[in-house]
Amino acid sequence: MEDLGNLKEKILSYSLESSEMATSGYKRILVQVCGQTGHGKSSFINSLIYALHGGTFKVKASEATATGSQGGHTRQRKSYHLTDAITLVDNRGFGKADNCEKEEAYAQLGNLQPLDEEVVWQNSFKERMKAITEAERNSNDLLLPVFIYSVQCGMGSKSKKEMKEFLKNAQKLTGFLPIIILTKRYLGDVGTLERQFKEIGMERIFPVENYTSEDHIKTPEKDKTFLSILHEALDLVKFRGDAASSFGTPEEEHRKRVQMVLNIAHMNEMERDKEKNKNEWDKEQEEKKKEKDCRSM
């Protein structure tokens, strides 16, 4: 692991200006922190800020402890300026992880929701389509997904399959394979969880113990862990910049993201209609059977 001072200097002095990405029109990196509610997204952001800038520990991003579809403290897609080149984004977490919530998570990851405004779950395809197509184009932002997952939760076979689908879609939306952060590393089987994430194709996986209001005494190893995550993120950007031809122009990438999220929403809408029609047909058949039974009595 690199020297702590060197890591800080590399992160603080990093600029996109001399990179291929800047030549293509990108001006800042949005580190897109995402995941379910209560897994430690906001605490992770607080830890990154504290590790890099030091000073008195402050809860800049509200720490969530609740779970459930409406749980957690973050209701906005909140941004935090880290350096001139890097902005951290605390995306609203999802709870049930049903199709509606996942669609909103994709809209946030695709930068199709405005920063620093409340995120409202849309249940109507028409409403979602309107919101996405009217989204302001933030074409100067390079999107780097960071997925937060608590070791306490473990991962069953069903959730593993859903996790793979979500993370691969995040890669398609942003052009980057998500960095995986395993929080509360000492409260579960971190080794098994690391292996499970590797099995679904993830490469950069970091177990961490966040700094919190109750436990924020600095240690060099903790700081190095959080700064190494930021350094890895910058290495990913450099790698993609060296192969910048695999990216379209910022405008093209924005259009692709809009189309992808709309396609996902449309497929989910068709699934919901199919299920609704099936339920209505089953109900109709049940009523016919009751009528027939009554006549035969």
Protein backbone atom coordinates (compact mmCIF):
# COMPACT_ATOMS: atom_id res chain seq x y z
CA MET A 1 0.00 0.00 0.00
CA GLU A 2 1.38 3.40 -0.94
CA ASP A 3 2.59 5.96 1.56
CA LEU A 4 -0.31 7.95 3.03
CA GLY A 5 1.16 11.32 2.05
CA ASN A 6 1.75 10.22 -1.54
CA LEU A 7 -1.80 8.95 -1.86
CA LYS A 8 -3.22 12.26 -0.61
CA GLU A 9 -1.03 14.27 -2.96
CA LYS A 10 -1.98 12.20 -6.01
CA ILE A 11 -5.69 12.55 -5.26
CA LEU A 12 -5.60 16.26 -4.41
CA SER A 13 -3.50 17.16 -7.45
CA TYR A 14 -5.38 14.97 -9.91
CA SER A 15 -6.85 16.76 -12.91
CA LEU A 16 -8.73 15.59 -15.98
CA GLU A 17 -7.33 18.47 -18.02
CA SER A 18 -4.40 16.55 -19.49
CA SER A 19 -6.29 13.29 -20.06
CA GLU A 20 -7.97 11.89 -23.15
CA MET A 21 -11.28 12.14 -21.32
CA ALA A 22 -10.88 15.91 -21.04
CA THR A 23 -10.14 16.06 -24.76
CA SER A 24 -13.47 14.31 -25.30
CA GLY A 25 -15.24 16.98 -23.25
CA TYR A 26 -15.38 15.54 -19.72
CA LYS A 27 -14.62 18.00 -16.92
CA ARG A 28 -15.24 16.18 -13.65
CA ILE A 29 -15.64 12.71 -12.19
CA LEU A 30 -18.89 11.92 -10.40
CA VAL A 31 -18.22 9.09 -7.96
CA GLN A 32 -21.71 7.58 -7.94
CA VAL A 33 -22.22 6.00 -4.50
CA CYS A 34 -25.22 3.67 -4.67
CA GLY A 35 -26.85 0.70 -2.94
CA GLN A 36 -29.66 -0.24 -0.60
CA THR A 37 -30.75 1.90 2.32
CA GLY A 38 -28.98 1.43 5.62
CA HIS A 39 -25.86 -0.23 4.15
CA GLY A 40 -23.54 2.72 4.87
CA LYS A 41 -23.45 4.89 1.73
CA SER A 42 -23.50 8.19 3.62
CA SER A 43 -21.04 6.95 6.26
CA PHE A 44 -18.70 5.89 3.45
CA ILE A 45 -18.82 9.38 1.95
CA ASN A 46 -18.12 10.93 5.36
CA SER A 47 -15.15 8.56 5.71
CA LEU A 48 -13.69 9.52 2.30
CA ILE A 49 -13.94 13.23 3.11
CA TYR A 50 -12.43 12.73 6.59
CA ALA A 51 -9.57 10.53 5.34
CA LEU A 52 -8.61 13.00 2.59
CA HIS A 53 -9.14 16.36 4.30
CA GLY A 54 -8.77 15.50 7.98
CA GLY A 55 -9.72 18.14 10.54
CA THR A 56 -12.65 17.62 12.89
CA PHE A 57 -14.92 14.74 11.96
CA LYS A 58 -18.20 16.07 10.60
CA VAL A 59 -21.32 14.25 9.51
CA LYS A 60 -21.71 15.92 6.13
CA ALA A 61 -23.85 13.09 4.72
CA SER A 62 -26.59 11.94 7.12
CA GLU A 63 -25.85 8.46 8.42
CA ALA A 64 -28.73 6.05 7.81
CA THR A 65 -29.68 3.17 10.07
CA ALA A 66 -33.16 2.39 8.77
CA THR A 67 -34.05 -0.30 6.27
CA GLY A 68 -37.02 -0.76 3.95
CA SER A 69 -38.13 0.93 0.76
CA GLN A 70 -38.61 4.29 2.44
CA GLY A 71 -35.84 3.85 5.01
CA GLY A 72 -32.55 5.67 5.25
CA HIS A 73 -31.90 9.35 5.64
CA THR A 74 -30.91 10.21 2.06
CA ARG A 75 -33.93 11.26 0.01
CA GLN A 76 -31.97 13.54 -2.31
CA ARG A 77 -29.31 12.77 -4.88
CA LYS A 78 -26.85 14.76 -2.81
CA SER A 79 -23.47 15.94 -4.11
CA TYR A 80 -20.28 16.65 -2.13
CA HIS A 81 -17.29 18.48 -3.61
CA LEU A 82 -14.17 16.44 -2.80
CA THR A 83 -11.54 17.99 -5.09
CA ASP A 84 -11.66 20.18 -8.19
CA ALA A 85 -11.80 16.97 -10.27
CA ILE A 86 -13.95 14.72 -8.06
CA THR A 87 -17.51 15.10 -6.77
CA LEU A 88 -19.05 12.44 -4.54
CA VAL A 89 -22.75 11.70 -5.11
CA ASP A 90 -24.87 10.11 -2.38
CA ASN A 91 -27.68 8.59 -4.44
CA ARG A 92 -30.98 7.75 -2.80
CA GLY A 93 -30.89 4.09 -1.78
CA PHE A 94 -33.49 1.48 -2.57
CA GLY A 95 -35.15 -0.92 -0.16
CA LYS A 96 -37.35 -3.60 -1.70
CA ALA A 97 -35.26 -3.43 -4.87
CA ASP A 98 -38.39 -4.00 -6.95
CA ASN A 99 -38.43 -2.95 -10.60
CA CYS A 100 -39.75 0.56 -9.87
CA GLU A 101 -36.97 1.31 -7.39
CA LYS A 102 -34.31 -0.22 -9.64
CA GLU A 103 -35.47 1.95 -12.54
CA GLU A 104 -34.99 5.04 -10.36
CA ALA A 105 -31.59 3.74 -9.25
CA TYR A 106 -30.59 3.40 -12.92
CA ALA A 107 -31.87 6.91 -13.65
CA GLN A 108 -29.66 8.24 -10.84
CA LEU A 109 -26.63 6.21 -11.97
CA GLY A 110 -27.14 7.43 -15.52
CA ASN A 111 -27.10 11.04 -14.26
CA LEU A 112 -30.69 11.47 -15.44
CA GLN A 113 -31.86 12.82 -12.10
CA PRO A 114 -30.79 16.33 -11.04
CA LEU A 115 -28.23 16.71 -8.27
CA ASP A 116 -29.28 18.07 -4.87
CA GLU A 117 -32.99 17.56 -5.44
CA GLU A 118 -35.40 15.08 -3.86
CA VAL A 119 -35.72 11.74 -5.64
CA VAL A 120 -39.31 10.52 -5.89
CA TRP A 121 -40.08 6.94 -6.90
CA GLN A 122 -42.25 6.94 -10.04
CA ASN A 123 -44.73 4.08 -10.40
CA SER A 124 -46.00 5.07 -13.84
CA PHE A 125 -44.03 4.35 -17.00
CA LYS A 126 -45.50 7.49 -18.56
CA GLU A 127 -44.25 9.64 -15.65
CA ARG A 128 -40.84 8.01 -15.69
CA MET A 129 -40.49 8.44 -19.45
CA LYS A 130 -41.39 12.13 -19.15
CA ALA A 131 -38.88 12.69 -16.32
CA ILE A 132 -36.04 10.91 -18.13
CA THR A 133 -36.55 12.44 -21.56
CA GLU A 134 -36.76 15.92 -20.04
CA ALA A 135 -33.64 15.39 -17.90
CA GLU A 136 -31.04 18.10 -18.27
CA ARG A 137 -28.00 16.76 -20.07
CA ASN A 138 -24.97 16.76 -17.76
CA SER A 139 -22.63 15.69 -20.52
CA ASN A 140 -19.45 16.97 -18.88
CA ASP A 141 -19.67 14.42 -16.06
CA LEU A 142 -17.77 11.13 -16.15
CA LEU A 143 -19.75 8.61 -14.09
CA LEU A 144 -17.95 6.09 -11.86
CA PRO A 145 -20.21 3.69 -9.89
CA VAL A 146 -19.33 2.62 -6.33
CA PHE A 147 -21.68 0.02 -4.84
CA ILE A 148 -22.04 -0.22 -1.05
CA TYR A 149 -23.03 -3.50 0.60
CA SER A 150 -23.10 -4.41 4.30
CA VAL A 151 -21.35 -7.64 5.27
CA GLN A 152 -24.08 -8.12 7.87
CA CYS A 153 -26.61 -8.90 5.12
CA GLY A 154 -24.87 -11.78 3.40
CA MET A 155 -26.05 -12.84 -0.07
CA GLY A 156 -28.47 -15.63 -0.99
CA SER A 157 -28.64 -17.28 -4.42
CA LYS A 158 -31.67 -15.21 -5.50
CA SER A 159 -30.17 -11.90 -4.41
CA LYS A 160 -26.86 -12.90 -6.03
CA LYS A 161 -28.58 -13.25 -9.40
CA GLU A 162 -30.38 -9.91 -8.99
CA MET A 163 -27.13 -8.29 -7.82
CA LYS A 164 -25.29 -9.45 -10.93
CA GLU A 165 -28.00 -8.01 -13.19
CA PHE A 166 -27.98 -4.66 -11.37
CA LEU A 167 -24.18 -4.30 -11.32
CA LYS A 168 -23.79 -5.29 -14.97
CA ASN A 169 -26.45 -2.74 -15.93
CA ALA A 170 -24.53 -0.15 -13.89
CA GLN A 171 -21.44 -1.01 -15.96
CA LYS A 172 -23.38 -0.64 -19.22
CA LEU A 173 -24.79 2.71 -18.10
CA THR A 174 -21.49 4.26 -16.99
CA GLY A 175 -18.79 2.41 -18.91
CA PHE A 176 -17.12 1.34 -15.65
CA LEU A 177 -17.33 -1.90 -13.69
CA PRO A 178 -18.56 -0.84 -10.22
CA ILE A 179 -16.13 -0.70 -7.31
CA ILE A 180 -17.59 -2.80 -4.47
CA ILE A 181 -17.37 -1.53 -0.88
CA LEU A 182 -18.17 -4.06 1.85
CA THR A 183 -19.09 -2.12 4.99
CA LYS A 184 -19.22 -3.39 8.60
CA ARG A 185 -16.47 -5.81 7.67
CA TYR A 186 -16.18 -7.38 11.13
CA LEU A 187 -19.88 -8.17 11.51
CA GLY A 188 -20.18 -11.06 9.07
CA ASP A 189 -18.37 -13.48 6.77
CA VAL A 190 -16.47 -10.97 4.65
CA GLY A 191 -14.41 -13.68 2.88
CA THR A 192 -17.49 -15.48 1.54
CA LEU A 193 -19.05 -12.21 0.40
CA GLU A 194 -15.86 -11.17 -1.42
CA ARG A 195 -15.85 -14.52 -3.21
CA GLN A 196 -19.53 -14.15 -4.18
CA PHE A 197 -18.94 -10.72 -5.69
CA LYS A 198 -15.97 -12.06 -7.64
CA GLU A 199 -18.15 -14.91 -8.92
CA ILE A 200 -20.54 -12.39 -10.48
CA GLY A 201 -17.68 -10.62 -12.23
CA MET A 202 -16.64 -7.85 -9.86
CA GLU A 203 -12.91 -7.08 -9.70
CA ARG A 204 -12.25 -4.28 -7.20
CA ILE A 205 -13.67 -5.18 -3.79
CA PHE A 206 -12.78 -3.32 -0.59
CA PRO A 207 -13.88 -4.39 2.91
CA VAL A 208 -14.05 -1.28 5.15
CA GLU A 209 -15.07 -0.13 8.58
CA ASN A 210 -16.46 3.39 8.17
CA TYR A 211 -15.60 6.28 10.41
CA THR A 212 -18.78 7.27 12.27
CA SER A 213 -19.96 9.81 14.82
CA GLU A 214 -19.38 7.20 17.53
CA ASP A 215 -16.04 5.91 16.21
CA HIS A 216 -13.92 8.46 14.35
CA ILE A 217 -10.49 8.16 15.95
CA LYS A 218 -8.15 8.25 12.97
CA THR A 219 -5.81 5.36 12.19
CA PRO A 220 -3.26 5.23 9.35
CA GLU A 221 -4.58 1.91 8.04
CA LYS A 222 -8.17 3.17 7.86
CA ASP A 223 -7.10 6.34 6.09
CA LYS A 224 -4.97 4.35 3.64
CA THR A 225 -7.89 2.06 2.86
CA PHE A 226 -10.22 4.94 1.97
CA LEU A 227 -7.56 6.84 0.02
CA SER A 228 -6.61 3.66 -1.85
CA ILE A 229 -10.24 3.35 -2.97
CA LEU A 230 -10.10 6.86 -4.41
CA HIS A 231 -6.76 6.08 -6.03
CA GLU A 232 -8.22 2.94 -7.62
CA ALA A 233 -11.09 5.03 -8.97
CA LEU A 234 -8.63 7.41 -10.62
CA ASP A 235 -6.69 4.45 -12.05
CA LEU A 236 -9.93 3.20 -13.62
CA VAL A 237 -10.50 6.59 -15.22
CA LYS A 238 -6.92 6.60 -16.54
CA PHE A 239 -7.34 3.09 -17.95
CA ARG A 240 -10.52 4.06 -19.78
CA GLY A 241 -8.91 7.32 -20.89
CA ASP A 242 -6.04 5.39 -22.48
CA ALA A 243 -8.71 3.50 -24.43
CA ALA A 244 -10.99 6.53 -24.88
CA SER A 245 -12.09 5.33 -28.30
CA SER A 246 -14.36 2.86 -26.48
CA PHE A 247 -16.35 5.86 -25.22
CA GLY A 248 -18.58 7.91 -27.44
CA THR A 249 -18.77 11.68 -27.19
CA PRO A 250 -20.40 12.94 -23.96
CA GLU A 251 -23.57 13.70 -25.89
CA GLU A 252 -23.66 10.21 -27.41
CA GLU A 253 -23.13 8.59 -24.00
CA HIS A 254 -26.00 10.63 -22.55
CA ARG A 255 -28.35 9.52 -25.34
CA LYS A 256 -27.33 5.88 -24.82
CA ARG A 257 -28.09 6.12 -21.10
CA VAL A 258 -31.49 7.68 -21.74
CA GLN A 259 -32.36 4.93 -24.22
CA MET A 260 -31.13 2.16 -21.93
CA VAL A 261 -33.14 3.33 -18.91
CA LEU A 262 -36.25 3.81 -21.04
CA ASN A 263 -35.84 0.30 -22.48
CA ILE A 264 -35.56 -1.19 -19.00
CA ALA A 265 -38.63 0.77 -17.84
CA HIS A 266 -40.59 -0.31 -20.91
CA MET A 267 -39.77 -4.00 -20.41
CA ASN A 268 -40.77 -3.76 -16.76
CA GLU A 269 -44.03 -2.03 -17.74
CA MET A 270 -44.85 -4.88 -20.12
CA GLU A 271 -44.13 -7.39 -17.33
CA ARG A 272 -46.47 -5.49 -15.00
CA ASP A 273 -49.21 -5.41 -17.67
CA LYS A 274 -48.78 -9.12 -18.31
CA GLU A 275 -49.10 -9.89 -14.61
CA LYS A 276 -52.11 -7.60 -14.28
CA ASN A 277 -53.86 -9.24 -17.26
CA LYS A 278 -53.14 -12.69 -15.86
CA ASN A 279 -54.59 -11.73 -12.47
CA GLU A 280 -57.70 -10.29 -14.14
CA TRP A 281 -58.12 -13.43 -16.27
CA ASP A 282 -57.72 -15.67 -13.20
CA LYS A 283 -60.30 -13.60 -11.34
CA GLU A 284 -62.72 -13.79 -14.27
CA GLN A 285 -62.32 -17.58 -14.49
CA GLU A 286 -62.92 -17.91 -10.75
CA GLU A 287 -66.14 -15.88 -11.01
CA LYS A 288 -67.35 -18.01 -13.95
CA LYS A 289 -66.66 -21.16 -11.95
CA LYS A 290 -68.67 -19.81 -9.01
CA GLU A 291 -71.60 -18.97 -11.31
CA LYS A 292 -71.50 -22.44 -12.83
CA ASP A 293 -71.39 -24.06 -9.39
CA CYS A 294 -74.40 -21.99 -8.29
CA ARG A 295 -76.45 -23.04 -11.34
CA SER A 296 -75.69 -26.69 -10.79
CA MET A 297 -76.94 -26.62 -7.19
